[in-house]
Amino acid sequence: MVSQSARVAVQRTRILPAWVRRADAATTRAVNAGPSHPVADRFWSRVSGFADRGVLWWTIAGALAVTGRRRAAARGLGSLLVASALTNLIAKRVFGGDRPLLADVPIGRRLPKPPVTPSFPSGHSASAAAFATGIAVESPRVGIALAPVALGVAYSRLHTGAHWVSDVVGGLALGAGVAALGTLVARPGTPRERDGATPTGADRRLPASPEGAGAFIVVNRSSGTSVVRSDPVRVLERRLPLAELHLLDDGDDPRTVVRAALARDEPPSILGVCGGDGSVAAVAHEARTAGVPLLVVPGGTFNHFARTAGAASVDLAVDALQRGEGVRADVAELRFAGGSPITVLNTASVGIYPDFVAERERLEGRWGKWPAALVAAARVLRHSAPVTVVVDGRRARVWTLYVGVGRNEPGIAAPMQRRRLDDGTLDVRVLHAGTRARAVGSLAFGRRTSAVLRRLRLLPERLESFTTESIDVLVRPRQGQPPGFAHDGEVSIAAPAEASARTAVPGYRTTVRVLPAALDVYRPAGGTPDTGITAGGGRSPTP
C-alpha cells in the first residue's frame, strides 16, 4: 500500500524530477518512523520557532557586532535578506509544491502553527545557510562554529514535518550560493579589515623577535570567557616558541608577576600581555616604567586598545612582533592625591559607571559576564545617586564624568575606544544629573546605543564635552563613602584628601593628564612613517 506521504510526493509539482520525489517520500518515512522523545521533539520545535523571521540570526548578528565583528555580522545579515527575498518572492512561486501531510507526522513533533506557504525551497534553510556562509566569508572560525547551528535549523524543518528533504537541500544550496555570489558584489575584507583593525599613529621600528626570544607574556585566561574564540595560548606557543608564557592563576596580580620578571638578573626585553583591557593596562604601566616595548595580544571581550592599535587578533599582534613593527602611543596617568600613578589606556570615570563595574564584577563569578552586566545595570540605575564633582573649579552634580584618552566618537555619552593613539588630548564627557530615567546614558556605549537612547530621549539633558591635556577633579563622597574611579574596566578607590580651600567642598582629589608618546606598542605597520614629532608638537624621545 502506498502511504499518504508517497501519494503527496507524487502529486507535487512536476518541475522536480521523479527520483527527487521518491527520495522525499523515503526520507520523510524514515524521519517520521525514527525514535521520538518529548524533550527532543520540544527542542527541535523551539529551534525551528526561534529561527522564524530570522530572529535567531539577528540575535547572533547583534552579539557579533557587540564583540567587534561588525563586518561579518553585516555580510551575514545581507546574505540572509537577499536569500530570504529570493526564496519567498521568486523560488516558492516558481517551484511551489505541497508540504508533507501532518497526518504522517507524530503529534508531539508538529509545530504549533503549521506553515501554509509553498514548500520548495525551505526559507529557514536558505536563511540559515546564507547567514552562516556570509559569516564564514568574513570570519571563517565563527562561520565554522555556526555551521552546526545552521544545519540544526535545517534538520528541525524535517523533524517537525514542515518540509521535504529536497526543500531543505534546495534552501541550503540557495542560501550558500547567495552568500558566495555576494563576494563578487562586495569583496571580502582583508585579514586586517575582518578583524576591524585599522592601525593609527606613525609607524615605528621596534626590536623584532621572529621566535619570541626575550619576550615575557602574561596570559589572563579568565578574560574574554564570554566570547567564542580559538585558544590564543596555542597560537603563541606555535608561533613564538622561545617566548616565556606565564599563565595567571586565580588571584594572581599581573603587576606583581611582571615586576618579578623584570627583577631577574636577565630581565625580559619585551613585555607582552594576553587578556582584557584591565590586564593590558596593568602590564602597560610596568612596560612604561621599565622602558620596554609592549606586545598586546587581544584576549578580552572588547579589546578596545588592541583594536585601536590595529592588532585586533593574535596573528596580527604576532606578525608585528616578528617584523618589528609598532607605534609610540599616548597614555594617560590617573593619580589620587598622595597616591601612586595609574596608567590608563582607554577611559577613566567616576559616578554611576564605576558603580556598574563593581556590581558586575561581584556578580560575574556566579552569573557569567553578560547576565551579570544586565543585572548590575538594572540595580545601579535603580539605586545609585548622582555624584558631586568640582572640575577645574566648576561644581556640578553628574551621573558620570568620563575622561577618554584621545578623541572618541563625537556625540556619544560614554567614550570607550579612542580613534587614534597619538592625538595628545583627553576627551572629557560630563553627563549632568537629571531625571533617573536619563541615567541610562551613563551606560550608552557606542554610536548605535547612543542614537537609540537619543531618540527615546533617555540621554542626559545636559551632555557636556571638551578636550584638554589635563583635568583636576574633586569628588564629594556619597553616604560618607570614598568614590571609586573606573579605569579600563577596573575600579580603584580614592584615598581621603583635605577640603579644597577654594571651593570649601570636602572631597577626594584626582588628576588625570595625558602623556604623549609614552609607550611603545607592537602593531602591524599602517604605512605612516615616524616623523619623530609627537602630537603635542615636541620631538618624541628616542629609546
Protein backbone atom coordinates (compact mmCIF):
# COMPACT_ATOMS: atom_id res chain seq x y z
CA MET A 1 0.00 0.00 0.00
CA VAL A 2 1.29 3.49 -0.85
CA SER A 3 1.44 5.86 2.13
CA GLN A 4 -0.18 9.27 2.08
CA SER A 5 3.29 10.92 2.09
CA ALA A 6 4.22 8.95 -1.02
CA ARG A 7 1.00 9.99 -2.79
CA VAL A 8 1.56 13.66 -1.88
CA ALA A 9 5.16 13.45 -3.08
CA VAL A 10 3.98 12.08 -6.43
CA GLN A 11 1.39 14.82 -6.70
CA ARG A 12 3.96 17.59 -6.09
CA THR A 13 4.95 19.90 -8.86
CA ARG A 14 6.26 18.08 -11.91
CA ILE A 15 9.19 20.50 -12.15
CA LEU A 16 11.06 18.29 -9.67
CA PRO A 17 12.38 15.02 -11.15
CA ALA A 18 10.69 11.76 -10.19
CA TRP A 19 13.77 10.46 -8.34
CA VAL A 20 13.70 13.56 -6.12
CA ARG A 21 10.05 12.94 -5.25
CA ARG A 22 10.81 9.31 -4.43
CA ALA A 23 13.73 10.37 -2.23
CA ASP A 24 11.46 12.86 -0.46
CA ALA A 25 8.90 10.18 0.34
CA ALA A 26 11.53 7.69 1.56
CA THR A 27 13.30 10.27 3.74
CA THR A 28 10.05 11.52 5.25
CA ARG A 29 9.00 7.98 6.15
CA ALA A 30 12.40 7.34 7.76
CA VAL A 31 12.35 10.57 9.79
CA ASN A 32 8.76 10.09 10.96
CA ALA A 33 9.43 6.48 11.92
CA GLY A 34 12.56 7.36 13.87
CA PRO A 35 12.73 7.41 17.67
CA SER A 36 10.67 10.16 19.26
CA HIS A 37 11.07 11.67 22.72
CA PRO A 38 9.08 14.60 24.15
CA VAL A 39 12.21 16.50 25.18
CA ALA A 40 13.84 16.12 21.77
CA ASP A 41 10.60 17.00 19.99
CA ARG A 42 10.18 20.18 22.04
CA PHE A 43 13.83 21.09 21.41
CA TRP A 44 13.58 20.85 17.62
CA SER A 45 10.24 22.64 17.63
CA ARG A 46 11.76 25.53 19.57
CA VAL A 47 14.83 25.63 17.33
CA SER A 48 12.54 25.96 14.33
CA GLY A 49 10.43 28.58 16.09
CA PHE A 50 13.43 30.66 17.17
CA ALA A 51 14.55 30.81 13.55
CA ASP A 52 11.16 32.20 12.43
CA ARG A 53 11.58 35.57 10.70
CA GLY A 54 15.33 35.33 11.24
CA VAL A 55 15.13 36.09 14.97
CA LEU A 56 17.93 33.62 15.75
CA TRP A 57 20.25 35.10 13.14
CA TRP A 58 19.54 38.72 14.05
CA THR A 59 20.31 37.84 17.68
CA ILE A 60 23.63 36.25 16.73
CA ALA A 61 24.45 39.19 14.46
CA GLY A 62 23.87 41.57 17.37
CA ALA A 63 26.24 39.57 19.55
CA LEU A 64 28.87 39.59 16.80
CA ALA A 65 28.52 43.34 16.35
CA VAL A 66 28.87 43.97 20.09
CA THR A 67 32.05 41.87 20.19
CA GLY A 68 33.62 43.79 17.31
CA ARG A 69 32.79 41.59 14.30
CA ARG A 70 30.56 44.16 12.63
CA ARG A 71 31.75 43.41 9.11
CA ALA A 72 30.93 39.70 9.49
CA ALA A 73 27.55 40.50 11.03
CA ALA A 74 26.70 42.88 8.18
CA ARG A 75 27.62 40.35 5.48
CA GLY A 76 25.71 37.58 7.24
CA LEU A 77 22.56 39.69 7.51
CA GLY A 78 22.90 40.99 3.96
CA SER A 79 23.16 37.44 2.61
CA LEU A 80 20.18 36.40 4.73
CA LEU A 81 17.97 39.22 3.45
CA VAL A 82 18.78 38.51 -0.20
CA ALA A 83 18.31 34.75 0.21
CA SER A 84 15.01 35.24 2.05
CA ALA A 85 13.70 37.55 -0.68
CA LEU A 86 14.70 35.16 -3.48
CA THR A 87 13.15 32.20 -1.65
CA ASN A 88 9.83 33.73 -0.70
CA LEU A 89 9.21 36.10 -3.59
CA ILE A 90 10.54 34.06 -6.52
CA ALA A 91 11.56 30.45 -5.86
CA LYS A 92 8.44 29.39 -3.95
CA ARG A 93 6.22 30.86 -6.66
CA VAL A 94 8.15 29.14 -9.44
CA PHE A 95 8.58 25.71 -7.83
CA GLY A 96 5.89 25.69 -5.11
CA GLY A 97 4.68 22.25 -4.11
CA ASP A 98 2.65 20.81 -1.24
CA ARG A 99 4.17 20.25 2.18
CA PRO A 100 4.23 16.82 3.89
CA LEU A 101 0.91 15.67 5.31
CA LEU A 102 0.56 16.38 9.03
CA ALA A 103 -1.22 13.02 9.39
CA ASP A 104 2.12 11.26 8.90
CA VAL A 105 3.98 13.46 11.45
CA PRO A 106 3.93 12.31 15.11
CA ILE A 107 1.71 14.66 17.09
CA GLY A 108 4.48 15.67 19.52
CA ARG A 109 6.63 16.92 16.65
CA ARG A 110 4.13 19.14 14.94
CA LEU A 111 4.62 22.91 15.01
CA PRO A 112 2.03 24.93 16.98
CA LYS A 113 1.18 26.77 13.76
CA PRO A 114 1.95 24.67 10.66
CA PRO A 115 3.16 26.74 7.67
CA VAL A 116 0.84 27.11 4.68
CA THR A 117 3.14 28.70 2.08
CA PRO A 118 4.50 26.67 -0.86
CA SER A 119 7.08 24.09 0.12
CA PHE A 120 10.11 24.38 -2.18
CA PRO A 121 12.65 25.64 -1.19
CA SER A 122 12.85 25.90 2.61
CA GLY A 123 13.11 29.52 3.66
CA HIS A 124 14.51 28.60 7.08
CA SER A 125 17.26 26.53 5.46
CA ALA A 126 18.07 29.24 2.92
CA SER A 127 18.36 31.89 5.61
CA ALA A 128 20.47 29.63 7.82
CA ALA A 129 22.91 28.76 5.05
CA ALA A 130 23.11 32.34 3.79
CA PHE A 131 23.85 33.74 7.22
CA ALA A 132 26.41 31.11 8.25
CA THR A 133 28.17 31.22 4.86
CA GLY A 134 28.22 35.01 4.87
CA ILE A 135 29.77 34.99 8.32
CA ALA A 136 32.33 32.39 7.21
CA VAL A 137 33.41 34.60 4.30
CA GLU A 138 34.50 37.31 6.74
CA SER A 139 35.33 35.20 9.80
CA PRO A 140 35.99 31.53 8.91
CA ARG A 141 36.29 30.36 12.50
CA VAL A 142 32.99 31.90 13.55
CA GLY A 143 31.38 30.52 10.39
CA ILE A 144 32.57 27.02 11.24
CA ALA A 145 31.19 27.40 14.76
CA LEU A 146 27.81 28.46 13.32
CA ALA A 147 27.61 25.63 10.78
CA PRO A 148 26.10 23.11 13.25
CA VAL A 149 23.50 25.73 14.25
CA ALA A 150 22.53 26.29 10.61
CA LEU A 151 22.32 22.55 9.94
CA GLY A 152 20.30 22.12 13.12
CA VAL A 153 17.75 24.67 11.92
CA ALA A 154 17.57 22.87 8.58
CA TYR A 155 17.02 19.49 10.25
CA SER A 156 14.35 20.96 12.53
CA ARG A 157 12.22 21.55 9.44
CA LEU A 158 12.38 17.83 8.65
CA HIS A 159 11.82 16.75 12.26
CA THR A 160 8.72 18.89 12.64
CA GLY A 161 7.28 17.77 9.28
CA ALA A 162 7.38 21.27 7.81
CA HIS A 163 9.44 20.32 4.72
CA TRP A 164 10.65 17.56 2.44
CA VAL A 165 14.35 16.82 2.28
CA SER A 166 14.56 18.33 -1.22
CA ASP A 167 13.15 21.58 0.18
CA VAL A 168 15.86 21.65 2.83
CA VAL A 169 18.70 20.78 0.45
CA GLY A 170 17.43 23.32 -2.08
CA GLY A 171 17.24 26.01 0.60
CA LEU A 172 20.75 25.27 1.84
CA ALA A 173 22.12 25.42 -1.70
CA LEU A 174 20.31 28.66 -2.48
CA GLY A 175 21.46 30.35 0.73
CA ALA A 176 25.09 29.29 0.35
CA GLY A 177 25.03 30.33 -3.30
CA VAL A 178 23.70 33.79 -2.46
CA ALA A 179 26.46 34.31 0.12
CA ALA A 180 29.11 33.08 -2.34
CA LEU A 181 27.87 35.34 -5.14
CA GLY A 182 27.84 38.20 -2.67
CA THR A 183 31.63 38.14 -2.65
CA LEU A 184 31.54 39.30 -6.29
CA VAL A 185 29.44 42.31 -5.33
CA ALA A 186 31.27 43.22 -2.12
CA ARG A 187 34.72 41.74 -1.79
CA PRO A 188 35.62 40.05 1.50
CA GLY A 189 37.73 42.07 3.88
CA THR A 190 41.43 41.54 4.25
CA PRO A 191 42.51 39.83 7.50
CA ARG A 192 43.09 43.27 9.00
CA GLU A 193 39.70 44.56 7.85
CA ARG A 194 37.94 41.38 9.04
CA ASP A 195 39.41 41.91 12.48
CA GLY A 196 38.30 45.53 12.46
CA ALA A 197 41.91 46.62 12.81
CA THR A 198 42.94 49.92 11.24
CA PRO A 199 46.35 50.97 12.58
CA THR A 200 46.63 54.54 13.84
CA GLY A 201 49.69 56.58 14.68
CA ALA A 202 53.05 56.87 12.94
CA ASP A 203 54.85 53.60 12.21
CA ARG A 204 57.87 52.95 14.40
CA ARG A 205 60.62 50.34 14.19
CA LEU A 206 60.80 48.21 17.32
CA PRO A 207 63.04 45.25 18.17
CA ALA A 208 61.98 42.26 16.08
CA SER A 209 61.71 38.81 17.63
CA PRO A 210 60.84 36.18 14.99
CA GLU A 211 60.57 33.35 17.52
CA GLY A 212 59.72 35.35 20.63
CA ALA A 213 63.20 35.42 22.19
CA GLY A 214 63.36 37.93 25.06
CA ALA A 215 59.56 38.19 25.37
CA PHE A 216 57.74 37.60 28.65
CA ILE A 217 54.00 37.29 28.02
CA VAL A 218 51.41 37.28 30.80
CA VAL A 219 48.21 35.39 29.90
CA ASN A 220 44.99 36.04 31.80
CA ARG A 221 42.82 33.09 30.82
CA SER A 222 39.88 34.36 32.86
CA SER A 223 39.47 37.26 30.41
CA GLY A 224 37.21 37.03 27.39
CA THR A 225 35.40 33.90 28.53
CA SER A 226 32.06 35.35 27.35
CA VAL A 227 33.05 35.27 23.66
CA VAL A 228 33.88 32.39 21.34
CA ARG A 229 37.46 32.35 20.04
CA SER A 230 40.29 29.94 19.44
CA ASP A 231 42.77 29.42 22.27
CA PRO A 232 45.40 32.21 21.96
CA VAL A 233 47.91 30.20 24.00
CA ARG A 234 48.20 27.57 21.28
CA VAL A 235 48.87 30.23 18.66
CA LEU A 236 51.52 31.88 20.86
CA GLU A 237 53.22 28.57 21.63
CA ARG A 238 53.30 27.61 17.95
CA ARG A 239 54.43 30.94 16.50
CA LEU A 240 56.66 32.16 19.38
CA PRO A 241 58.39 29.02 20.68
CA LEU A 242 61.12 30.97 22.51
CA ALA A 243 58.76 33.33 24.33
CA GLU A 244 58.11 32.76 28.03
CA LEU A 245 54.38 32.44 28.70
CA HIS A 246 53.13 32.96 32.24
CA LEU A 247 49.53 31.81 32.78
CA LEU A 248 47.95 33.68 35.67
CA ASP A 249 46.26 31.64 38.38
CA ASP A 250 43.13 32.84 40.15
CA GLY A 251 44.04 35.78 42.36
CA ASP A 252 47.38 36.49 40.65
CA ASP A 253 48.18 40.16 40.09
CA PRO A 254 49.79 40.71 36.67
CA ARG A 255 51.74 43.68 38.05
CA THR A 256 53.41 41.51 40.69
CA VAL A 257 54.24 38.81 38.13
CA VAL A 258 55.77 41.31 35.70
CA ARG A 259 57.79 43.08 38.40
CA ALA A 260 59.27 39.75 39.49
CA ALA A 261 60.31 39.01 35.91
CA LEU A 262 61.88 42.47 35.49
CA ALA A 263 63.83 42.00 38.74
CA ARG A 264 65.72 38.98 37.36
CA ASP A 265 69.41 39.09 36.55
CA GLU A 266 68.42 38.81 32.88
CA PRO A 267 65.09 40.63 32.63
CA PRO A 268 62.90 40.35 29.52
CA SER A 269 63.44 42.93 26.79
CA ILE A 270 59.80 42.74 25.66
CA LEU A 271 56.69 42.57 27.81
CA GLY A 272 53.52 41.02 26.48
CA VAL A 273 50.00 40.56 27.77
CA CYS A 274 47.07 38.47 26.57
CA GLY A 275 43.85 39.49 28.29
CA GLY A 276 41.24 42.19 28.57
CA ASP A 277 41.77 45.94 28.79
CA GLY A 278 42.32 45.82 32.56
CA SER A 279 45.15 43.30 32.25
CA VAL A 280 46.62 45.21 29.30
CA ALA A 281 46.64 48.48 31.25
CA ALA A 282 48.31 46.84 34.27
CA VAL A 283 51.16 45.39 32.18
CA ALA A 284 51.39 48.58 30.11
CA HIS A 285 52.15 50.51 33.30
CA GLU A 286 55.08 48.21 34.06
CA ALA A 287 56.32 48.35 30.47
CA ARG A 288 56.21 52.16 30.51
CA THR A 289 58.02 52.28 33.84
CA ALA A 290 60.70 49.84 32.66
CA GLY A 291 61.07 51.46 29.25
CA VAL A 292 60.46 48.28 27.25
CA PRO A 293 58.04 47.76 24.33
CA LEU A 294 54.65 46.16 24.88
CA LEU A 295 53.08 43.32 22.91
CA VAL A 296 49.27 43.40 23.21
CA VAL A 297 47.53 40.11 22.35
CA PRO A 298 43.73 40.56 22.35
CA GLY A 299 42.22 38.12 24.81
CA GLY A 300 39.33 40.04 26.36
CA THR A 301 35.74 40.70 25.39
CA PHE A 302 36.10 44.09 23.68
CA ASN A 303 39.88 44.66 23.35
CA HIS A 304 39.45 48.42 22.89
CA PHE A 305 43.14 49.32 22.99
CA ALA A 306 44.27 46.45 20.76
CA ARG A 307 41.65 47.33 18.16
CA THR A 308 42.66 50.99 18.10
CA ALA A 309 46.30 49.96 17.74
CA GLY A 310 45.46 47.71 14.78
CA ALA A 311 46.38 44.43 16.48
CA ALA A 312 42.88 43.03 16.87
CA SER A 313 43.82 39.35 16.50
CA VAL A 314 46.53 37.11 17.90
CA ASP A 315 48.09 36.59 14.48
CA LEU A 316 48.22 40.32 13.70
CA ALA A 317 49.96 41.00 17.02
CA VAL A 318 52.49 38.20 16.48
CA ASP A 319 53.13 39.36 12.90
CA ALA A 320 54.07 42.80 14.22
CA LEU A 321 56.43 41.35 16.85
CA GLN A 322 58.15 39.11 14.31
CA ARG A 323 58.64 42.01 11.88
CA GLY A 324 59.48 44.64 14.50
CA GLU A 325 56.58 46.95 13.59
CA GLY A 326 54.98 49.24 16.12
CA VAL A 327 53.82 52.66 17.21
CA ARG A 328 54.51 55.09 20.02
CA ALA A 329 51.22 55.58 21.84
CA ASP A 330 49.82 58.21 24.18
CA VAL A 331 48.61 57.09 27.59
CA ALA A 332 47.01 58.90 30.50
CA GLU A 333 48.09 58.98 34.11
CA LEU A 334 45.45 58.83 36.85
CA ARG A 335 46.67 59.96 40.24
CA PHE A 336 44.79 60.27 43.52
CA ALA A 337 46.09 62.90 45.95
CA GLY A 338 49.09 61.36 47.71
CA GLY A 339 48.76 58.11 45.74
CA SER A 340 50.80 56.29 43.12
CA PRO A 341 50.11 56.92 39.43
CA ILE A 342 47.90 54.54 37.45
CA THR A 343 48.34 54.13 33.70
CA VAL A 344 45.11 54.49 31.71
CA LEU A 345 44.87 53.36 28.09
CA ASN A 346 41.20 53.99 27.23
CA THR A 347 38.96 55.70 29.78
CA ALA A 348 38.72 56.77 33.41
CA SER A 349 35.41 57.69 35.02
CA VAL A 350 33.63 58.48 38.26
CA GLY A 351 29.91 58.18 39.06
CA ILE A 352 27.42 55.52 38.01
CA TYR A 353 29.73 53.66 35.63
CA PRO A 354 32.23 52.65 38.35
CA ASP A 355 29.25 51.51 40.43
CA PHE A 356 28.18 49.36 37.49
CA VAL A 357 31.65 47.83 37.05
CA ALA A 358 31.95 46.99 40.74
CA GLU A 359 28.49 45.38 40.84
CA ARG A 360 29.13 43.43 37.64
CA GLU A 361 32.39 42.03 38.98
CA ARG A 362 30.64 40.99 42.18
CA LEU A 363 28.02 39.02 40.24
CA GLU A 364 30.16 37.76 37.37
CA GLY A 365 31.52 34.63 39.04
CA ARG A 366 28.02 33.29 39.68
CA TRP A 367 26.06 34.60 36.68
CA GLY A 368 28.57 34.94 33.84
CA LYS A 369 29.56 38.24 32.25
CA TRP A 370 26.52 39.16 30.14
CA PRO A 371 23.78 38.22 32.63
CA ALA A 372 25.82 39.87 35.41
CA ALA A 373 26.08 43.04 33.31
CA LEU A 374 22.31 43.18 32.78
CA VAL A 375 21.53 42.62 36.45
CA ALA A 376 24.21 45.10 37.54
CA ALA A 377 22.88 47.75 35.15
CA ALA A 378 19.34 47.34 36.46
CA ARG A 379 20.43 47.58 40.09
CA VAL A 380 22.74 50.54 39.58
CA LEU A 381 20.25 52.53 37.53
CA ARG A 382 17.62 51.92 40.20
CA HIS A 383 19.62 52.68 43.34
CA SER A 384 22.70 54.80 42.51
CA ALA A 385 22.72 58.53 43.18
CA PRO A 386 24.45 61.35 41.29
CA VAL A 387 27.88 62.40 42.43
CA THR A 388 29.01 65.97 43.15
CA VAL A 389 32.27 66.94 41.46
CA VAL A 390 34.37 70.05 41.11
CA VAL A 391 36.04 70.07 37.69
CA ASP A 392 38.78 72.65 37.32
CA GLY A 393 36.97 74.88 39.80
CA ARG A 394 33.41 74.31 38.48
CA ARG A 395 30.96 72.45 40.68
CA ALA A 396 28.34 70.08 39.20
CA ARG A 397 26.11 67.11 40.04
CA VAL A 398 26.68 64.41 37.46
CA TRP A 399 25.61 60.87 36.70
CA THR A 400 29.06 60.09 35.33
CA LEU A 401 32.17 62.00 34.35
CA TYR A 402 34.22 60.25 31.66
CA VAL A 403 37.81 61.08 30.71
CA GLY A 404 38.80 59.35 27.48
CA VAL A 405 42.40 59.00 26.37
CA GLY A 406 42.40 60.55 22.89
CA ARG A 407 39.38 61.73 20.96
CA ASN A 408 36.43 59.34 20.85
CA GLU A 409 33.39 59.25 18.58
CA PRO A 410 31.57 62.60 18.81
CA GLY A 411 28.05 62.68 20.16
CA ILE A 412 28.20 59.52 22.27
CA ALA A 413 27.68 59.64 26.00
CA ALA A 414 30.29 57.14 27.17
CA PRO A 415 33.65 57.19 25.36
CA MET A 416 35.24 53.75 25.49
CA GLN A 417 37.55 53.46 22.47
CA ARG A 418 39.70 56.23 21.13
CA ARG A 419 40.09 56.81 17.41
CA ARG A 420 43.85 57.40 17.43
CA LEU A 421 46.83 56.57 19.60
CA ASP A 422 48.69 59.83 19.16
CA ASP A 423 46.47 62.92 19.27
CA GLY A 424 47.80 64.12 22.65
CA THR A 425 44.44 65.01 24.22
CA LEU A 426 41.90 63.91 26.80
CA ASP A 427 38.28 63.69 25.65
CA VAL A 428 36.02 64.64 28.59
CA ARG A 429 32.28 63.88 28.66
CA VAL A 430 30.20 65.22 31.58
CA LEU A 431 26.74 63.66 31.97
CA HIS A 432 24.95 66.20 34.17
CA ALA A 433 22.35 64.76 36.55
CA GLY A 434 18.67 65.00 35.69
CA THR A 435 15.82 62.53 35.96
CA ARG A 436 16.74 58.98 36.96
CA ALA A 437 15.47 57.62 33.64
CA ARG A 438 18.19 59.57 31.88
CA ALA A 439 20.91 57.98 33.99
CA VAL A 440 20.90 55.12 31.49
CA GLY A 441 23.03 57.38 29.30
CA SER A 442 25.95 56.57 31.59
CA LEU A 443 25.90 53.08 30.12
CA ALA A 444 25.30 54.13 26.50
CA PHE A 445 28.37 52.69 24.79
CA GLY A 446 28.78 53.26 21.07
CA ARG A 447 27.07 55.30 18.38
CA ARG A 448 24.11 52.99 17.83
CA THR A 449 23.17 52.76 21.50
CA SER A 450 23.52 56.50 21.94
CA ALA A 451 21.42 57.15 18.83
CA VAL A 452 18.62 54.89 20.09
CA LEU A 453 18.63 56.49 23.55
CA ARG A 454 18.68 59.95 21.98
CA ARG A 455 15.54 59.15 20.01
CA LEU A 456 13.91 57.80 23.15
CA ARG A 457 15.01 60.96 24.99
CA LEU A 458 16.89 58.93 27.57
CA LEU A 459 20.27 60.64 27.26
CA PRO A 460 21.07 63.22 29.94
CA GLU A 461 19.55 66.61 29.17
CA ARG A 462 22.99 68.17 29.50
CA LEU A 463 25.87 66.28 27.91
CA GLU A 464 28.96 68.46 28.08
CA SER A 465 32.13 67.57 26.20
CA PHE A 466 35.52 69.19 25.80
CA THR A 467 39.16 68.28 25.21
CA THR A 468 42.12 69.09 27.40
CA GLU A 469 45.59 67.86 28.24
CA SER A 470 44.98 67.62 31.99
CA ILE A 471 41.97 67.68 34.29
CA ASP A 472 41.70 68.11 38.05
CA VAL A 473 38.61 66.57 39.69
CA LEU A 474 37.45 66.89 43.29
CA VAL A 475 34.79 64.28 44.11
CA ARG A 476 32.49 64.64 47.08
CA PRO A 477 31.78 61.37 48.96
CA ARG A 478 28.35 59.73 48.74
CA GLN A 479 26.90 58.47 52.03
CA GLY A 480 30.34 59.06 53.54
CA GLN A 481 31.99 56.53 51.21
CA PRO A 482 35.04 57.39 49.09
CA PRO A 483 34.36 57.40 45.34
CA GLY A 484 35.51 54.66 43.02
CA PHE A 485 37.28 55.58 39.80
CA ALA A 486 36.88 53.11 36.94
CA HIS A 487 39.82 52.83 34.57
CA ASP A 488 39.99 50.34 31.70
CA GLY A 489 37.40 48.06 33.29
CA GLU A 490 38.94 48.12 36.78
CA VAL A 491 37.89 50.14 39.83
CA SER A 492 40.21 51.92 42.28
CA ILE A 493 39.05 53.63 45.47
CA ALA A 494 40.33 57.12 46.19
CA ALA A 495 42.15 57.98 49.40
CA PRO A 496 40.83 60.89 51.52
CA ALA A 497 42.14 64.37 50.76
CA GLU A 498 41.81 67.67 52.56
CA ALA A 499 38.99 70.07 51.64
CA SER A 500 39.69 72.48 48.84
CA ALA A 501 40.30 75.96 50.18
CA ARG A 502 38.85 77.49 47.01
CA THR A 503 35.57 75.57 46.94
CA ALA A 504 35.27 74.55 50.61
CA VAL A 505 33.96 71.19 49.41
CA PRO A 506 35.39 68.22 51.32
CA GLY A 507 36.26 65.52 48.85
CA TYR A 508 38.77 63.34 47.08
CA ARG A 509 41.12 64.97 44.61
CA THR A 510 42.11 63.17 41.44
CA THR A 511 44.18 64.35 38.50
CA VAL A 512 44.21 62.84 35.01
CA ARG A 513 46.78 64.01 32.47
CA VAL A 514 47.79 62.80 29.05
CA LEU A 515 51.35 61.55 28.48
CA PRO A 516 52.11 61.88 24.76
CA ALA A 517 54.27 59.20 23.09
CA ALA A 518 54.81 57.40 26.39
CA LEU A 519 54.56 53.73 25.37
CA ASP A 520 55.99 51.66 22.51
CA VAL A 521 53.43 49.11 21.30
CA TYR A 522 53.77 46.40 18.66
CA ARG A 523 51.20 46.56 15.87
CA PRO A 524 51.26 45.96 12.08
CA ALA A 525 52.64 48.83 10.03
CA GLY A 526 49.98 51.20 8.75
CA GLY A 527 52.01 52.97 6.10
CA THR A 528 52.57 56.23 8.04
CA PRO A 529 56.28 56.86 8.67
CA ASP A 530 57.51 58.05 12.04
CA THR A 531 58.45 61.73 11.73
CA GLY A 532 59.74 61.86 15.28
CA ILE A 533 57.19 64.54 16.19
CA THR A 534 54.64 63.91 18.89
CA ALA A 535 51.04 65.06 18.77
CA GLY A 536 51.81 67.85 21.19
CA GLY A 537 54.36 69.36 18.80
CA GLY A 538 57.52 68.23 20.58
CA ARG A 539 60.05 65.70 19.37
CA SER A 540 59.42 62.15 20.55
CA PRO A 541 62.12 60.71 22.78
CA THR A 542 64.40 58.05 21.41
CA PRO A 543 64.55 54.75 23.24
